[in-house]
Amino acid sequence: MKNQSHTQKPYTHDDEKGGFPWLLFIIGIASVLIILQVFGVYKTVDTEHKATVMDVHSGEYQNRTLPKERLEKINKPTPEVDNVLSAIKEEYESPVFTDIRTANDHNNWGLTDDEAKFYDDMRVRYGGTRDNWLGVVQKANHTYKTIKEIFGGRTDVVTVLHDSRAATTVFSRIQQTFGISTLDCLNFAQSGRANRLSDWANFIEAKSR
């Protein structure tokens, strides 16, 4: 019987043609992803996405940290505000003083009842400072507007403070703006006397004296 020799075909790269390009493709994609990660592209996209989907009514959005320039712009008096502050100052100096809340209703100054209450509180607090009532009124205006902005323009103070993340942001911003520690803010929030913006404005004034 004639022997038939079977010669084995040498292995070549052509045998890998079905899988090798896919391996290169996967390696290429992985390399691109690593480069994007290094340059922070993912972080930027993720941040923008979170900003887009963030609920603008949430405490996190309302109480985000704002630049100092924003607060200065908010507290910059307008002619209308100056007129009201001058009128409050004259009411402070009146020989027969009733209260700012009554005067606000009578003169249509446009103050909220809580804000008018704070002006009354300030007159009591600085009752001996009769040489610069306008300065007292201007200080009151600045304090109240700033604390209102820190609470995101909201008046439902209790609701904001029940949100732990929002409360932490509020305390942090008070510390940054007025130099009052977050621990003092926390203790005041738990005192049962921190239910209105005027309560917090009074807290600021008491700590700032």
Protein backbone atom coordinates (compact mmCIF):
# COMPACT_ATOMS: atom_id res chain seq x y z
CA MET A 1 0.00 0.00 0.00
CA LYS A 2 1.35 3.34 -1.06
CA ASN A 3 1.97 5.66 1.88
CA GLN A 4 0.38 9.08 1.56
CA SER A 5 2.14 11.88 3.38
CA HIS A 6 0.00 14.44 5.08
CA THR A 7 1.85 17.73 5.33
CA GLN A 8 0.45 20.10 8.00
CA LYS A 9 -0.26 23.60 6.70
CA PRO A 10 1.85 26.21 8.51
CA TYR A 11 -0.03 28.58 10.84
CA THR A 12 -0.35 32.07 9.44
CA HIS A 13 -1.86 35.41 10.56
CA ASP A 14 -4.61 34.95 8.03
CA ASP A 15 -6.13 32.39 10.37
CA GLU A 16 -6.83 35.18 12.89
CA LYS A 17 -8.53 37.44 10.36
CA GLY A 18 -11.93 36.76 11.88
CA GLY A 19 -11.07 37.88 15.43
CA PHE A 20 -7.99 40.08 15.36
CA PRO A 21 -9.65 43.29 13.98
CA TRP A 22 -12.29 43.12 16.71
CA LEU A 23 -9.55 42.93 19.33
CA LEU A 24 -7.96 46.07 17.90
CA PHE A 25 -11.34 47.82 17.87
CA ILE A 26 -12.01 47.03 21.55
CA ILE A 27 -8.51 48.16 22.54
CA GLY A 28 -9.01 51.40 20.60
CA ILE A 29 -12.35 52.16 22.28
CA ALA A 30 -10.88 51.46 25.72
CA SER A 31 -7.99 53.81 25.01
CA VAL A 32 -10.34 56.62 23.95
CA LEU A 33 -12.45 56.19 27.10
CA ILE A 34 -9.35 56.32 29.30
CA ILE A 35 -8.18 59.53 27.59
CA LEU A 36 -11.60 61.15 28.02
CA GLN A 37 -11.63 60.18 31.68
CA VAL A 38 -8.16 61.65 32.23
CA PHE A 39 -9.12 64.97 30.70
CA GLY A 40 -12.28 65.21 32.78
CA VAL A 41 -14.75 65.11 29.91
CA TYR A 42 -16.99 62.65 31.74
CA LYS A 43 -16.99 64.85 34.81
CA THR A 44 -18.07 67.90 32.82
CA VAL A 45 -20.85 66.05 31.02
CA ASP A 46 -22.08 64.50 34.26
CA THR A 47 -22.13 67.89 36.01
CA GLU A 48 -24.09 69.49 33.18
CA HIS A 49 -26.56 66.63 33.22
CA LYS A 50 -27.14 66.94 36.96
CA ALA A 51 -27.68 70.67 36.60
CA THR A 52 -30.24 70.03 33.88
CA VAL A 53 -32.28 67.46 35.77
CA MET A 54 -32.04 69.20 39.17
CA ASP A 55 -35.44 70.19 40.48
CA VAL A 56 -35.41 74.00 40.63
CA HIS A 57 -37.89 73.85 43.50
CA SER A 58 -35.63 71.68 45.63
CA GLY A 59 -33.66 72.96 48.58
CA GLU A 60 -30.42 71.92 46.84
CA TYR A 61 -31.11 74.29 43.94
CA GLN A 62 -32.72 77.12 45.86
CA ASN A 63 -29.94 77.22 48.43
CA ARG A 64 -26.91 76.79 46.23
CA THR A 65 -23.95 78.98 47.10
CA LEU A 66 -24.08 82.30 45.29
CA PRO A 67 -21.15 84.61 44.56
CA LYS A 68 -20.60 87.66 46.71
CA GLU A 69 -21.40 89.91 43.75
CA ARG A 70 -24.91 88.40 43.57
CA LEU A 71 -25.63 89.25 47.20
CA GLU A 72 -24.29 92.78 46.74
CA LYS A 73 -26.57 93.26 43.74
CA ILE A 74 -29.58 91.99 45.66
CA ASN A 75 -28.87 94.33 48.57
CA LYS A 76 -28.12 97.38 46.45
CA PRO A 77 -30.82 99.91 47.35
CA THR A 78 -33.03 101.35 44.63
CA PRO A 79 -34.65 104.82 44.85
CA GLU A 80 -37.92 103.13 45.86
CA VAL A 81 -36.17 101.16 48.62
CA ASP A 82 -34.33 104.29 49.80
CA ASN A 83 -37.66 106.12 50.07
CA VAL A 84 -39.17 103.34 52.18
CA LEU A 85 -36.09 103.16 54.42
CA SER A 86 -36.21 106.93 54.94
CA ALA A 87 -39.91 106.68 55.80
CA ILE A 88 -39.19 103.93 58.33
CA LYS A 89 -36.42 106.06 59.83
CA GLU A 90 -38.84 108.96 60.23
CA GLU A 91 -41.33 106.59 61.86
CA TYR A 92 -38.58 105.50 64.26
CA GLU A 93 -38.00 109.12 65.21
CA SER A 94 -41.66 110.00 65.57
CA PRO A 95 -42.61 111.22 69.06
CA VAL A 96 -45.60 108.88 68.96
CA PHE A 97 -44.33 105.57 67.62
CA THR A 98 -46.77 102.71 67.19
CA ASP A 99 -45.17 99.97 65.08
CA ILE A 100 -43.83 99.47 61.57
CA ARG A 101 -46.39 96.85 60.69
CA THR A 102 -49.21 99.34 61.23
CA ALA A 103 -47.33 102.06 59.36
CA ASN A 104 -46.59 99.63 56.52
CA ASP A 105 -50.29 98.86 56.08
CA HIS A 106 -51.23 102.53 56.33
CA ASN A 107 -48.57 103.81 53.90
CA ASN A 108 -48.48 100.86 51.48
CA TRP A 109 -44.72 100.42 51.74
CA GLY A 110 -44.97 96.91 50.33
CA LEU A 111 -43.22 95.12 53.18
CA THR A 112 -44.27 91.63 54.15
CA ASP A 113 -45.70 91.36 57.66
CA ASP A 114 -42.64 89.35 58.70
CA GLU A 115 -40.22 91.96 57.33
CA ALA A 116 -42.13 94.78 59.02
CA LYS A 117 -41.95 92.81 62.28
CA PHE A 118 -38.18 92.65 61.93
CA TYR A 119 -37.97 96.44 61.62
CA ASP A 120 -39.98 96.66 64.85
CA ASP A 121 -37.57 94.21 66.47
CA MET A 122 -34.61 96.28 65.31
CA ARG A 123 -36.04 99.45 66.83
CA VAL A 124 -36.32 97.67 70.17
CA ARG A 125 -32.84 96.17 69.83
CA TYR A 126 -31.17 99.50 69.04
CA GLY A 127 -33.51 101.67 71.07
CA GLY A 128 -30.62 103.66 72.53
CA THR A 129 -29.11 104.51 69.15
CA ARG A 130 -31.05 107.65 68.35
CA ASP A 131 -28.26 109.47 66.52
CA ASN A 132 -28.22 107.15 63.50
CA TRP A 133 -31.63 105.63 62.98
CA LEU A 134 -31.15 105.60 59.20
CA GLY A 135 -28.05 103.45 59.63
CA VAL A 136 -30.05 101.05 61.80
CA VAL A 137 -32.80 100.84 59.19
CA GLN A 138 -30.32 100.26 56.38
CA LYS A 139 -28.61 97.54 58.38
CA ALA A 140 -31.96 95.87 59.01
CA ASN A 141 -32.76 95.97 55.32
CA HIS A 142 -29.42 94.40 54.43
CA THR A 143 -29.70 91.64 57.05
CA TYR A 144 -33.26 90.67 56.15
CA LYS A 145 -32.69 90.60 52.40
CA THR A 146 -29.48 88.62 52.78
CA ILE A 147 -31.03 85.97 55.02
CA LYS A 148 -33.98 85.73 52.64
CA GLU A 149 -31.61 85.14 49.74
CA ILE A 150 -29.71 82.52 51.76
CA PHE A 151 -33.02 80.67 52.13
CA GLY A 152 -33.41 80.81 48.37
CA GLY A 153 -36.08 83.52 48.45
CA ARG A 154 -38.41 81.17 50.27
CA THR A 155 -40.46 82.06 53.33
CA ASP A 156 -41.34 78.48 54.34
CA VAL A 157 -38.32 78.32 56.62
CA VAL A 158 -39.43 75.20 58.50
CA THR A 159 -39.84 73.25 55.26
CA VAL A 160 -36.35 74.23 54.12
CA LEU A 161 -34.80 73.21 57.43
CA HIS A 162 -36.52 69.82 57.33
CA ASP A 163 -34.46 69.05 54.24
CA SER A 164 -31.11 68.07 55.75
CA ARG A 165 -29.11 68.92 52.62
CA ALA A 166 -30.81 72.30 52.24
CA ALA A 167 -30.31 73.07 55.94
CA THR A 168 -26.61 72.23 55.68
CA THR A 169 -26.28 74.61 52.74
CA VAL A 170 -28.10 77.38 54.63
CA PHE A 171 -25.84 76.98 57.67
CA SER A 172 -22.75 76.99 55.48
CA ARG A 173 -23.81 80.16 53.69
CA ILE A 174 -24.59 81.92 56.97
CA GLN A 175 -21.12 81.03 58.18
CA GLN A 176 -19.55 82.32 54.95
CA THR A 177 -21.58 85.54 54.94
CA PHE A 178 -21.82 86.47 58.61
CA GLY A 179 -19.05 84.44 60.27
CA ILE A 180 -21.48 82.53 62.49
CA SER A 181 -20.54 78.88 62.97
CA THR A 182 -22.64 76.12 61.48
CA LEU A 183 -22.92 74.59 64.97
CA ASP A 184 -24.53 77.80 66.29
CA CYS A 185 -26.90 77.71 63.33
CA LEU A 186 -27.81 74.10 64.02
CA ASN A 187 -28.46 74.80 67.69
CA PHE A 188 -30.68 77.76 66.79
CA ALA A 189 -32.57 75.71 64.20
CA GLN A 190 -33.35 73.15 66.91
CA SER A 191 -34.38 75.76 69.48
CA GLY A 192 -38.00 76.01 68.32
CA ARG A 193 -37.56 79.76 67.74
CA ALA A 194 -36.34 79.56 64.13
CA ASN A 195 -39.59 79.38 62.19
CA ARG A 196 -39.54 82.65 60.21
CA LEU A 197 -37.06 84.72 58.26
CA SER A 198 -37.33 87.43 60.91
CA ASP A 199 -36.28 84.88 63.54
CA TRP A 200 -33.12 84.18 61.58
CA ALA A 201 -32.51 87.86 60.91
CA ASN A 202 -32.77 88.51 64.66
CA PHE A 203 -30.40 85.60 65.28
CA ILE A 204 -27.89 87.19 62.88
CA GLU A 205 -28.20 90.59 64.58
CA ALA A 206 -27.77 89.12 68.06
CA LYS A 207 -24.63 87.20 66.99
CA SER A 208 -23.19 90.16 65.09
CA ARG A 209 -23.32 92.71 67.90
